[in-house]
Amino acid sequence: MSYISGGSSIRADINQALIEAPQADVGLIGAQLLPLQNVDAKAGTYLKVQLGGAELLTNNATARDAGSSYSRGIRSFSSANYSTDEYGLEELLDDSAVKDLNRFFSYESETAKFLLRQLKLSHEKRVSDLLWNATTPFTIADQTRAVAYTQANIATIDVARDVAAAKLAIQQYGYEPNCVAMSANVFELIRRSTLLQNQFFGVISNTGARLLSEAEIAAALGVQSLLVGRAAINTAGKNKAYSGSFVVPDTKIVVGQIAGGEFTAGGIGRTLVWSGDSAGGFVSESYRDEARRSQVLRVRMNTDEVVIDPNAAVRITTNFA
């Protein structure tokens, strides 16, 4: 088998296979909440324009008498730091296994898809741990739900009321929330809730026979998108019996403004990607391990997941059960 010795090589053909693997994105919402954004340096500083110091919502325009001076604003700016880390996974493709399994499917391409899925799951977990964790310093304190999100309260759960209160809290900081994000378990509960179905369909009998979709719930809540975290992860660890759990926890609902591109576009945050090492987010490589008579396939990324604007989101505690 021919190969390039002395190091790894970028695999454009495998990258194309990854792009054509939509199943790798099923149930993942991390990259929508914190969109990928290239940065030139592995570590650096970015400017923060904050409401107080920058006087963005300050009512300080005053009346002026002829010959007198205008009122002047004094703005101050702050900064924050980021530092990307490399995450990756690789797998040995034994020559004999490749020749055998290629009878059934493209072993190399499918392995790359498996690796990508695992890499994306690690990103999903980091985003979830950041945004759903009570220690993440959002400016607005976590909101208390009107009624606990439990099956026993299916007739009185009022997610529209809870989200409306969260939106009003964010709007007081000058933001227009466009997204609600939640776990699959919470979604499956609220789509059957009586008050939400009544809000969408009107008060009619047997509304429970018609479950609300993501788009319908988004419309009922007055946001552009409802993101449901359906990605599952094995919590048992390697070489143990599989024990699945959703990555996004049931404890809270996140309401906020999401956006991609330059920081001036707004949004809760970004997944900062070091373009010098992994432009585009995900990179596939391969190299030869002749001692094991194998090709080694690697998928990696170099990122830092950051909240760039703590004013742009708020969490609602669900007390899900």
Protein backbone atom coordinates (compact mmCIF):
# COMPACT_ATOMS: atom_id res chain seq x y z
CA MET A 1 0.00 0.00 0.00
CA SER A 2 1.38 3.41 -0.91
CA TYR A 3 1.51 6.05 1.78
CA ILE A 4 3.13 9.33 2.79
CA SER A 5 5.86 8.75 5.34
CA GLY A 6 7.07 11.11 8.00
CA GLY A 7 3.78 12.58 9.20
CA SER A 8 0.06 12.99 8.75
CA SER A 9 -1.71 14.27 5.69
CA ILE A 10 -4.94 16.23 5.47
CA ARG A 11 -7.62 14.09 3.88
CA ALA A 12 -9.83 16.21 1.64
CA ASP A 13 -11.67 13.11 0.45
CA ILE A 14 -12.58 12.18 4.00
CA ASN A 15 -13.55 15.79 4.77
CA GLN A 16 -16.04 15.55 1.92
CA ALA A 17 -17.44 12.35 3.42
CA LEU A 18 -17.90 14.18 6.71
CA ILE A 19 -19.77 17.03 5.01
CA GLU A 20 -22.06 14.47 3.42
CA ALA A 21 -22.85 12.82 6.77
CA PRO A 22 -26.04 14.52 7.97
CA GLN A 23 -26.62 11.84 10.58
CA ALA A 24 -23.64 13.24 12.47
CA ASP A 25 -25.73 16.35 13.28
CA VAL A 26 -28.97 14.68 14.39
CA GLY A 27 -30.02 16.00 17.79
CA LEU A 28 -27.03 18.32 18.16
CA ILE A 29 -27.73 21.97 19.03
CA GLY A 30 -24.37 23.17 20.41
CA ALA A 31 -23.16 24.65 17.12
CA GLN A 32 -26.45 26.55 16.76
CA LEU A 33 -26.29 28.01 20.26
CA LEU A 34 -22.59 28.89 19.97
CA PRO A 35 -21.88 29.09 16.21
CA LEU A 36 -18.37 28.36 14.95
CA GLN A 37 -16.27 31.47 14.32
CA ASN A 38 -12.68 31.44 13.05
CA VAL A 39 -10.00 33.33 14.98
CA ASP A 40 -6.44 33.93 13.80
CA ALA A 41 -4.63 33.16 17.04
CA LYS A 42 -4.73 30.23 19.44
CA ALA A 43 -5.16 32.62 22.35
CA GLY A 44 -6.11 36.25 22.35
CA THR A 45 -8.24 39.11 23.57
CA TYR A 46 -11.50 40.50 22.27
CA LEU A 47 -13.22 43.80 23.02
CA LYS A 48 -16.38 43.90 25.11
CA VAL A 49 -18.85 46.76 24.81
CA GLN A 50 -20.90 46.59 28.00
CA LEU A 51 -24.21 48.27 28.75
CA GLY A 52 -23.07 50.21 31.81
CA GLY A 53 -19.60 51.36 30.88
CA ALA A 54 -20.44 52.02 27.24
CA GLU A 55 -23.66 53.90 28.18
CA LEU A 56 -25.60 52.02 25.51
CA LEU A 57 -29.00 52.51 27.14
CA THR A 58 -28.28 55.60 29.21
CA ASN A 59 -30.82 58.42 29.03
CA ASN A 60 -28.34 61.31 29.14
CA ALA A 61 -29.46 63.54 26.25
CA THR A 62 -30.43 66.86 27.87
CA ALA A 63 -31.90 70.12 26.71
CA ARG A 64 -29.42 72.75 25.54
CA ASP A 65 -29.72 76.52 25.88
CA ALA A 66 -28.33 78.79 23.17
CA GLY A 67 -24.59 79.25 23.57
CA SER A 68 -24.24 76.46 26.09
CA SER A 69 -22.46 73.16 25.74
CA TYR A 70 -24.04 69.83 24.83
CA SER A 71 -24.17 67.02 27.34
CA ARG A 72 -21.33 64.60 26.70
CA GLY A 73 -21.18 60.89 27.26
CA ILE A 74 -18.05 59.12 28.45
CA ARG A 75 -17.80 55.52 27.28
CA SER A 76 -15.51 52.86 28.62
CA PHE A 77 -14.79 49.45 27.14
CA SER A 78 -13.49 46.22 28.60
CA SER A 79 -11.90 43.07 27.25
CA ALA A 80 -12.01 39.32 27.69
CA ASN A 81 -9.60 36.54 26.86
CA TYR A 82 -9.95 33.23 25.08
CA SER A 83 -7.66 30.25 24.64
CA THR A 84 -8.43 27.34 22.33
CA ASP A 85 -7.73 23.70 23.13
CA GLU A 86 -7.32 20.82 20.72
CA TYR A 87 -9.79 17.94 20.87
CA GLY A 88 -9.52 14.85 18.73
CA LEU A 89 -9.91 11.15 18.29
CA GLU A 90 -8.16 8.62 16.11
CA GLU A 91 -8.66 5.02 15.10
CA LEU A 92 -6.50 2.26 13.63
CA LEU A 93 -7.68 0.81 10.32
CA ASP A 94 -5.90 -2.50 9.98
CA ASP A 95 -5.06 -3.38 6.36
CA SER A 96 -6.74 -6.77 6.58
CA ALA A 97 -9.88 -5.27 8.13
CA VAL A 98 -10.07 -2.64 5.39
CA LYS A 99 -9.85 -5.25 2.65
CA ASP A 100 -12.47 -7.40 4.33
CA LEU A 101 -14.99 -4.73 5.36
CA ASN A 102 -14.76 -2.74 2.10
CA ARG A 103 -16.92 -5.50 0.62
CA PHE A 104 -19.82 -4.11 2.64
CA PHE A 105 -19.19 -0.35 2.84
CA SER A 106 -16.44 2.24 2.60
CA TYR A 107 -14.73 1.37 5.85
CA GLU A 108 -12.54 4.46 5.90
CA SER A 109 -15.34 6.94 5.16
CA GLU A 110 -17.73 5.35 7.64
CA THR A 111 -15.07 5.31 10.36
CA ALA A 112 -14.50 9.02 9.74
CA LYS A 113 -18.23 9.61 10.24
CA PHE A 114 -18.18 7.67 13.51
CA LEU A 115 -15.21 9.71 14.73
CA LEU A 116 -16.87 12.97 13.69
CA ARG A 117 -20.00 12.05 15.59
CA GLN A 118 -17.96 11.43 18.73
CA LEU A 119 -16.04 14.69 18.28
CA LYS A 120 -19.27 16.63 17.82
CA LEU A 121 -20.70 14.98 20.92
CA SER A 122 -17.73 16.26 22.92
CA HIS A 123 -18.45 19.77 21.61
CA GLU A 124 -22.14 19.37 22.45
CA LYS A 125 -21.21 18.35 26.00
CA ARG A 126 -18.92 21.37 26.45
CA VAL A 127 -21.60 23.78 25.22
CA SER A 128 -24.23 22.12 27.40
CA ASP A 129 -21.98 22.21 30.46
CA LEU A 130 -21.34 25.90 29.81
CA LEU A 131 -24.86 27.18 29.13
CA TRP A 132 -26.89 24.94 31.45
CA ASN A 133 -24.51 25.23 34.40
CA ALA A 134 -25.72 27.54 37.15
CA THR A 135 -22.14 28.77 37.64
CA THR A 136 -22.03 30.31 34.14
CA PRO A 137 -22.31 34.01 34.91
CA PHE A 138 -25.38 35.17 33.00
CA THR A 139 -26.28 38.67 34.13
CA ILE A 140 -29.91 37.78 34.81
CA ALA A 141 -30.42 35.29 37.61
CA ASP A 142 -32.11 31.99 36.81
CA GLN A 143 -35.89 32.44 36.64
CA THR A 144 -38.29 30.34 38.69
CA ARG A 145 -41.00 28.51 36.71
CA ALA A 146 -44.64 29.26 37.54
CA VAL A 147 -45.46 25.53 37.89
CA ALA A 148 -43.02 22.62 38.18
CA TYR A 149 -42.52 20.70 34.92
CA THR A 150 -43.87 17.34 36.00
CA GLN A 151 -46.30 14.84 34.52
CA ALA A 152 -48.62 15.44 37.47
CA ASN A 153 -48.82 19.12 36.45
CA ILE A 154 -49.47 18.48 32.75
CA ALA A 155 -52.70 20.54 32.92
CA THR A 156 -51.10 23.54 34.62
CA ILE A 157 -47.55 23.75 33.24
CA ASP A 158 -47.31 27.24 31.74
CA VAL A 159 -44.20 27.36 29.55
CA ALA A 160 -45.57 30.34 27.58
CA ARG A 161 -45.80 32.35 30.78
CA ASP A 162 -42.34 31.28 31.89
CA VAL A 163 -40.74 32.14 28.54
CA ALA A 164 -42.60 35.46 28.33
CA ALA A 165 -41.19 36.46 31.74
CA ALA A 166 -37.69 35.43 30.64
CA LYS A 167 -38.01 37.40 27.39
CA LEU A 168 -39.14 40.51 29.26
CA ALA A 169 -36.14 40.21 31.59
CA ILE A 170 -33.78 40.07 28.60
CA GLN A 171 -35.56 42.88 26.75
CA GLN A 172 -34.88 45.18 29.70
CA TYR A 173 -31.22 44.87 28.71
CA GLY A 174 -31.94 45.89 25.12
CA TYR A 175 -31.99 42.43 23.50
CA GLU A 176 -34.63 40.65 21.45
CA PRO A 177 -34.60 36.91 22.28
CA ASN A 178 -34.96 34.69 19.22
CA CYS A 179 -34.42 31.20 20.60
CA VAL A 180 -35.57 28.78 23.28
CA ALA A 181 -33.47 25.66 23.94
CA MET A 182 -34.39 22.63 26.01
CA SER A 183 -33.83 18.92 26.47
CA ALA A 184 -35.77 16.25 24.61
CA ASN A 185 -37.48 15.17 27.82
CA VAL A 186 -38.76 18.66 28.61
CA PHE A 187 -39.90 19.10 25.00
CA GLU A 188 -41.90 15.87 25.03
CA LEU A 189 -43.61 17.02 28.23
CA ILE A 190 -44.53 20.56 27.23
CA ARG A 191 -45.77 19.61 23.75
CA ARG A 192 -48.53 17.66 25.53
CA SER A 193 -49.26 20.35 28.14
CA THR A 194 -52.84 21.59 28.20
CA LEU A 195 -52.19 25.33 28.42
CA LEU A 196 -49.71 25.37 25.54
CA GLN A 197 -52.01 23.31 23.33
CA ASN A 198 -54.93 25.58 24.20
CA GLN A 199 -52.84 28.61 23.31
CA PHE A 200 -52.05 27.18 19.90
CA PHE A 201 -55.30 25.38 18.99
CA GLY A 202 -57.79 27.22 21.17
CA VAL A 203 -59.74 25.56 23.94
CA ILE A 204 -61.06 22.43 22.29
CA SER A 205 -61.59 18.87 23.44
CA ASN A 206 -58.99 16.13 22.98
CA THR A 207 -56.10 18.43 22.04
CA GLY A 208 -53.72 15.79 23.42
CA ALA A 209 -54.31 13.69 20.32
CA ARG A 210 -52.35 16.26 18.28
CA LEU A 211 -48.83 16.91 19.53
CA LEU A 212 -47.21 20.27 18.87
CA SER A 213 -44.09 20.39 16.68
CA GLU A 214 -40.94 22.42 17.31
CA ALA A 215 -42.03 25.09 14.81
CA GLU A 216 -45.50 25.35 16.34
CA ILE A 217 -44.13 25.71 19.86
CA ALA A 218 -41.65 28.35 18.67
CA ALA A 219 -44.56 30.29 17.14
CA ALA A 220 -46.60 29.95 20.34
CA LEU A 221 -43.65 31.20 22.39
CA GLY A 222 -42.92 34.08 20.02
CA VAL A 223 -39.37 33.11 19.01
CA GLN A 224 -37.75 32.22 15.70
CA SER A 225 -36.46 28.83 16.73
CA LEU A 226 -36.94 26.11 19.30
CA LEU A 227 -33.82 23.97 19.72
CA VAL A 228 -34.33 20.52 21.21
CA GLY A 229 -31.24 18.67 22.42
CA ARG A 230 -31.79 15.07 21.34
CA ALA A 231 -28.15 13.99 21.21
CA ALA A 232 -27.48 10.99 23.45
CA ILE A 233 -24.23 10.04 25.10
CA ASN A 234 -22.93 6.91 26.81
CA THR A 235 -22.53 7.72 30.49
CA ALA A 236 -21.21 4.29 31.50
CA GLY A 237 -17.69 4.72 30.17
CA LYS A 238 -15.53 2.61 27.89
CA ASN A 239 -15.87 -1.20 27.82
CA LYS A 240 -18.96 -1.15 30.03
CA ALA A 241 -22.60 -1.91 29.25
CA TYR A 242 -24.11 1.03 27.41
CA SER A 243 -26.09 3.48 29.50
CA GLY A 244 -27.54 6.28 27.44
CA SER A 245 -28.51 9.76 28.55
CA PHE A 246 -29.31 13.00 26.73
CA VAL A 247 -26.48 15.52 26.73
CA VAL A 248 -28.71 18.54 27.41
CA PRO A 249 -30.05 18.31 30.98
CA ASP A 250 -33.72 18.54 31.98
CA THR A 251 -33.08 20.97 34.82
CA LYS A 252 -33.35 24.23 32.87
CA ILE A 253 -34.64 25.90 29.71
CA VAL A 254 -32.39 28.49 28.05
CA VAL A 255 -34.00 31.57 26.51
CA GLY A 256 -31.79 33.97 24.60
CA GLN A 257 -30.51 35.64 21.50
CA ILE A 258 -28.30 33.54 19.22
CA ALA A 259 -26.30 34.81 16.25
CA GLY A 260 -23.24 33.86 14.22
CA GLY A 261 -20.46 35.75 12.51
CA GLU A 262 -18.56 38.69 13.96
CA PHE A 263 -19.20 39.57 17.59
CA THR A 264 -20.97 42.78 16.54
CA ALA A 265 -23.84 40.57 15.28
CA GLY A 266 -24.68 39.81 18.91
CA GLY A 267 -25.67 36.46 20.38
CA ILE A 268 -24.90 34.54 23.56
CA GLY A 269 -21.49 33.38 22.40
CA ARG A 270 -19.34 31.60 19.86
CA THR A 271 -17.30 28.47 19.39
CA LEU A 272 -13.96 30.10 18.60
CA VAL A 273 -12.01 28.00 16.11
CA TRP A 274 -8.29 28.54 15.65
CA SER A 275 -8.12 28.88 11.88
CA GLY A 276 -4.38 28.26 11.80
CA ASP A 277 -4.88 24.70 13.02
CA SER A 278 -8.44 23.63 12.21
CA ALA A 279 -10.10 26.13 9.89
CA GLY A 280 -13.76 25.35 9.44
CA GLY A 281 -13.99 23.53 12.75
CA PHE A 282 -13.31 19.88 11.93
CA VAL A 283 -10.22 18.43 10.26
CA SER A 284 -9.58 14.86 9.15
CA GLU A 285 -6.09 13.43 8.76
CA SER A 286 -4.42 10.09 8.28
CA TYR A 287 -0.94 8.69 8.73
CA ARG A 288 0.72 5.30 8.43
CA ASP A 289 1.56 3.03 11.37
CA GLU A 290 3.59 0.36 9.60
CA ALA A 291 4.42 -1.50 12.81
CA ARG A 292 0.72 -2.27 13.15
CA ARG A 293 0.18 -2.57 9.37
CA SER A 294 -2.53 0.02 9.71
CA GLN A 295 -3.65 3.39 8.52
CA VAL A 296 -4.48 5.75 11.37
CA LEU A 297 -7.47 8.02 10.84
CA ARG A 298 -7.83 11.12 12.97
CA VAL A 299 -10.57 13.76 13.31
CA ARG A 300 -9.84 16.84 15.41
CA MET A 301 -10.81 20.43 16.20
CA ASN A 302 -9.15 23.32 18.06
CA THR A 303 -11.71 25.47 19.86
CA ASP A 304 -12.79 27.48 22.85
CA GLU A 305 -16.50 27.78 23.66
CA VAL A 306 -17.16 31.23 25.14
CA VAL A 307 -20.10 33.30 26.36
CA ILE A 308 -19.36 36.68 24.76
CA ASP A 309 -22.45 38.45 26.10
CA PRO A 310 -23.86 37.33 29.47
CA ASN A 311 -26.80 39.72 29.03
CA ALA A 312 -28.15 37.79 26.04
CA ALA A 313 -29.63 34.76 27.80
CA VAL A 314 -31.45 33.58 30.89
CA ARG A 315 -32.25 30.13 32.28
CA ILE A 316 -35.61 28.92 33.57
CA THR A 317 -35.46 26.29 36.33
CA THR A 318 -37.91 23.49 35.45
CA ASN A 319 -37.92 21.12 38.47
CA PHE A 320 -38.53 18.44 35.83
CA ALA A 321 -39.70 15.07 37.07
